[in-house]
């Protein structure tokens, strides 16, 4: 399959955007002071585990989409 340059750039931008958003979210999640991510004893809660799983899944999917976009951009330059 051949991707247009516009679609390739969109996919690459989406991959980068996904990393920026979810890295920021993960940092904020571990700094949480509201009691959602960690209980009073400092132990992780179900909220932390669920949102950490979402972040990791998004990292993986964002990376895959970004790689497809990068390959499409690189293939278009040949």
N, C-alpha and C. Protein backbone atom coordinates (compact mmCIF):
# COMPACT_ATOMS: atom_id res chain seq x y z
N UNK A 1 0.84 -1.16 0.00
CA UNK A 1 0.00 0.00 0.00
C UNK A 1 0.89 1.23 0.00
N UNK A 2 0.48 2.23 -0.74
CA UNK A 2 1.24 3.47 -0.81
C UNK A 2 0.43 4.57 -0.13
N UNK A 3 1.06 5.26 0.80
CA UNK A 3 0.41 6.35 1.52
C UNK A 3 0.77 7.68 0.88
N UNK A 4 -0.18 8.58 0.86
CA UNK A 4 0.14 9.92 0.37
C UNK A 4 1.02 10.62 1.40
N UNK A 5 1.69 11.65 0.96
CA UNK A 5 2.55 12.42 1.87
C UNK A 5 1.73 13.03 3.00
N UNK A 6 0.55 13.52 2.67
CA UNK A 6 -0.32 14.14 3.67
C UNK A 6 -0.73 13.14 4.75
N UNK A 7 -1.12 11.95 4.34
CA UNK A 7 -1.52 10.91 5.30
C UNK A 7 -0.31 10.48 6.13
N UNK A 8 0.84 10.31 5.49
CA UNK A 8 2.05 9.92 6.21
C UNK A 8 2.42 10.95 7.27
N UNK A 9 2.35 12.22 6.92
CA UNK A 9 2.66 13.28 7.88
C UNK A 9 1.65 13.30 9.02
N UNK A 10 0.38 13.06 8.70
CA UNK A 10 -0.64 13.01 9.73
C UNK A 10 -0.36 11.87 10.71
N UNK A 11 -0.04 10.69 10.19
CA UNK A 11 0.25 9.54 11.05
C UNK A 11 1.48 9.79 11.92
N UNK A 12 2.50 10.39 11.33
CA UNK A 12 3.70 10.72 12.09
C UNK A 12 3.38 11.74 13.19
N UNK A 13 2.62 12.76 12.86
CA UNK A 13 2.23 13.77 13.85
C UNK A 13 1.38 13.14 14.95
N UNK A 14 0.49 12.23 14.60
CA UNK A 14 -0.34 11.55 15.59
C UNK A 14 0.52 10.74 16.55
N UNK A 15 1.52 10.05 16.03
CA UNK A 15 2.42 9.27 16.88
C UNK A 15 3.18 10.15 17.86
N UNK A 16 3.68 11.27 17.38
CA UNK A 16 4.40 12.21 18.26
C UNK A 16 3.44 12.80 19.29
N UNK A 17 2.26 13.20 18.84
CA UNK A 17 1.24 13.77 19.74
C UNK A 17 0.88 12.77 20.84
N UNK A 18 0.71 11.53 20.48
CA UNK A 18 0.36 10.50 21.45
C UNK A 18 1.43 10.40 22.53
N UNK A 19 2.69 10.42 22.14
CA UNK A 19 3.77 10.35 23.12
C UNK A 19 3.79 11.58 24.01
N UNK A 20 3.64 12.75 23.45
CA UNK A 20 3.67 13.99 24.25
C UNK A 20 2.55 13.97 25.28
N UNK A 21 1.35 13.66 24.86
CA UNK A 21 0.20 13.68 25.75
C UNK A 21 0.32 12.63 26.85
N UNK A 22 0.65 11.40 26.48
CA UNK A 22 0.65 10.32 27.47
C UNK A 22 1.85 10.35 28.39
N UNK A 23 2.99 10.86 27.93
CA UNK A 23 4.13 11.02 28.84
C UNK A 23 3.79 12.07 29.89
N UNK A 24 3.19 13.16 29.46
CA UNK A 24 2.76 14.20 30.40
C UNK A 24 1.75 13.64 31.39
N UNK A 25 0.79 12.87 30.89
CA UNK A 25 -0.21 12.27 31.76
C UNK A 25 0.43 11.33 32.79
N UNK A 26 1.36 10.49 32.32
CA UNK A 26 2.01 9.53 33.23
C UNK A 26 2.81 10.25 34.31
N UNK A 27 3.51 11.31 33.93
CA UNK A 27 4.25 12.09 34.94
C UNK A 27 3.29 12.66 35.98
N UNK A 28 2.19 13.22 35.51
CA UNK A 28 1.20 13.79 36.44
C UNK A 28 0.55 12.71 37.29
N UNK A 29 0.36 11.54 36.73
CA UNK A 29 -0.25 10.44 37.46
C UNK A 29 0.62 10.04 38.66
N UNK A 30 1.93 9.99 38.45
CA UNK A 30 2.82 9.59 39.54
C UNK A 30 3.03 10.71 40.57
N UNK A 31 2.73 11.95 40.19
CA UNK A 31 2.83 13.07 41.13
C UNK A 31 1.50 13.34 41.83
N UNK A 32 0.51 12.52 41.58
CA UNK A 32 -0.84 12.75 42.08
C UNK A 32 -0.87 12.91 43.59
N UNK A 33 -1.49 13.98 44.03
CA UNK A 33 -1.62 14.25 45.46
C UNK A 33 -3.08 14.18 45.91
N UNK A 34 -3.98 13.86 44.99
CA UNK A 34 -5.40 13.87 45.31
C UNK A 34 -5.86 12.59 46.01
N UNK A 35 -5.04 11.57 46.01
CA UNK A 35 -5.43 10.31 46.62
C UNK A 35 -6.04 9.32 45.66
N UNK A 36 -6.11 9.67 44.39
CA UNK A 36 -6.66 8.74 43.41
C UNK A 36 -5.65 7.65 43.03
N UNK A 37 -4.42 8.05 42.75
CA UNK A 37 -3.42 7.10 42.28
C UNK A 37 -2.76 6.33 43.41
N UNK A 38 -2.65 6.95 44.56
CA UNK A 38 -2.02 6.31 45.72
C UNK A 38 -2.90 6.52 46.93
N UNK A 39 -2.99 5.48 47.75
CA UNK A 39 -3.79 5.61 48.98
C UNK A 39 -2.97 6.34 50.05
N UNK A 40 -3.53 6.45 51.23
CA UNK A 40 -2.87 7.19 52.32
C UNK A 40 -1.54 6.57 52.73
N UNK A 41 -1.39 5.28 52.54
CA UNK A 41 -0.15 4.60 52.88
C UNK A 41 0.89 4.67 51.77
N UNK A 42 0.52 5.28 50.64
CA UNK A 42 1.44 5.39 49.52
C UNK A 42 1.41 4.21 48.57
N UNK A 43 0.45 3.33 48.75
CA UNK A 43 0.33 2.16 47.87
C UNK A 43 -0.47 2.52 46.62
N UNK A 44 -0.10 1.95 45.46
CA UNK A 44 -0.84 2.24 44.24
C UNK A 44 -2.27 1.71 44.31
N UNK A 45 -3.19 2.44 43.70
CA UNK A 45 -4.60 2.05 43.68
C UNK A 45 -4.95 1.47 42.31
N UNK A 46 -6.15 0.97 42.21
CA UNK A 46 -6.64 0.44 40.92
C UNK A 46 -6.67 1.55 39.87
N UNK A 47 -6.96 2.76 40.29
CA UNK A 47 -6.97 3.92 39.37
C UNK A 47 -5.60 4.06 38.71
N UNK A 48 -4.53 3.95 39.47
CA UNK A 48 -3.18 4.07 38.91
C UNK A 48 -2.93 2.95 37.91
N UNK A 49 -3.26 1.72 38.27
CA UNK A 49 -2.98 0.58 37.39
C UNK A 49 -3.76 0.66 36.08
N UNK A 50 -5.01 1.04 36.16
CA UNK A 50 -5.84 1.15 34.95
C UNK A 50 -5.29 2.24 34.04
N UNK A 51 -4.98 3.40 34.60
CA UNK A 51 -4.50 4.50 33.79
C UNK A 51 -3.07 4.27 33.29
N UNK A 52 -2.29 3.55 34.05
CA UNK A 52 -0.96 3.18 33.57
C UNK A 52 -1.07 2.20 32.40
N UNK A 53 -2.01 1.27 32.46
CA UNK A 53 -2.24 0.35 31.34
C UNK A 53 -2.71 1.12 30.10
N UNK A 54 -3.57 2.11 30.29
CA UNK A 54 -4.00 2.95 29.16
C UNK A 54 -2.82 3.69 28.55
N UNK A 55 -1.96 4.23 29.39
CA UNK A 55 -0.80 4.98 28.90
C UNK A 55 0.15 4.07 28.12
N UNK A 56 0.43 2.90 28.65
CA UNK A 56 1.35 1.97 27.97
C UNK A 56 0.76 1.53 26.63
N UNK A 57 -0.52 1.22 26.61
CA UNK A 57 -1.19 0.85 25.36
C UNK A 57 -1.10 1.99 24.35
N UNK A 58 -1.31 3.20 24.80
CA UNK A 58 -1.23 4.36 23.91
C UNK A 58 0.19 4.60 23.43
N UNK A 59 1.20 4.34 24.29
CA UNK A 59 2.59 4.43 23.84
C UNK A 59 2.85 3.45 22.70
N UNK A 60 2.39 2.24 22.87
CA UNK A 60 2.62 1.19 21.86
C UNK A 60 1.91 1.54 20.56
N UNK A 61 0.63 1.90 20.65
CA UNK A 61 -0.11 2.24 19.44
C UNK A 61 0.41 3.51 18.79
N UNK A 62 0.75 4.51 19.59
CA UNK A 62 1.31 5.75 19.06
C UNK A 62 2.63 5.51 18.34
N UNK A 63 3.44 4.63 18.91
CA UNK A 63 4.71 4.28 18.27
C UNK A 63 4.46 3.58 16.94
N UNK A 64 3.56 2.63 16.93
CA UNK A 64 3.26 1.89 15.69
C UNK A 64 2.74 2.82 14.60
N UNK A 65 1.82 3.70 14.95
CA UNK A 65 1.25 4.65 13.98
C UNK A 65 2.34 5.61 13.51
N UNK A 66 3.17 6.09 14.42
CA UNK A 66 4.25 7.00 14.06
C UNK A 66 5.27 6.35 13.14
N UNK A 67 5.58 5.08 13.39
CA UNK A 67 6.53 4.36 12.53
C UNK A 67 5.95 4.20 11.12
N UNK A 68 4.69 3.89 11.02
CA UNK A 68 4.04 3.78 9.70
C UNK A 68 4.12 5.12 8.97
N UNK A 69 3.81 6.20 9.70
CA UNK A 69 3.89 7.53 9.10
C UNK A 69 5.31 7.87 8.69
N UNK A 70 6.28 7.57 9.53
CA UNK A 70 7.68 7.86 9.21
C UNK A 70 8.13 7.09 7.97
N UNK A 71 7.77 5.83 7.91
CA UNK A 71 8.13 5.03 6.73
C UNK A 71 7.47 5.56 5.46
N UNK A 72 6.23 6.04 5.60
CA UNK A 72 5.53 6.62 4.46
C UNK A 72 6.20 7.90 3.98
N UNK A 73 6.62 8.74 4.91
CA UNK A 73 7.31 9.98 4.55
C UNK A 73 8.65 9.65 3.91
N UNK A 74 9.38 8.72 4.51
CA UNK A 74 10.69 8.35 3.98
C UNK A 74 10.59 7.70 2.60
N UNK A 75 9.57 6.88 2.38
CA UNK A 75 9.38 6.22 1.09
C UNK A 75 9.01 7.23 0.00
N UNK A 76 8.32 8.30 0.38
CA UNK A 76 7.93 9.31 -0.59
C UNK A 76 9.07 10.16 -1.07
N UNK A 77 10.20 10.16 -0.36
CA UNK A 77 11.35 10.99 -0.74
C UNK A 77 12.25 10.31 -1.74
N UNK A 78 12.00 9.03 -2.02
CA UNK A 78 12.87 8.30 -2.95
C UNK A 78 12.55 8.60 -4.38
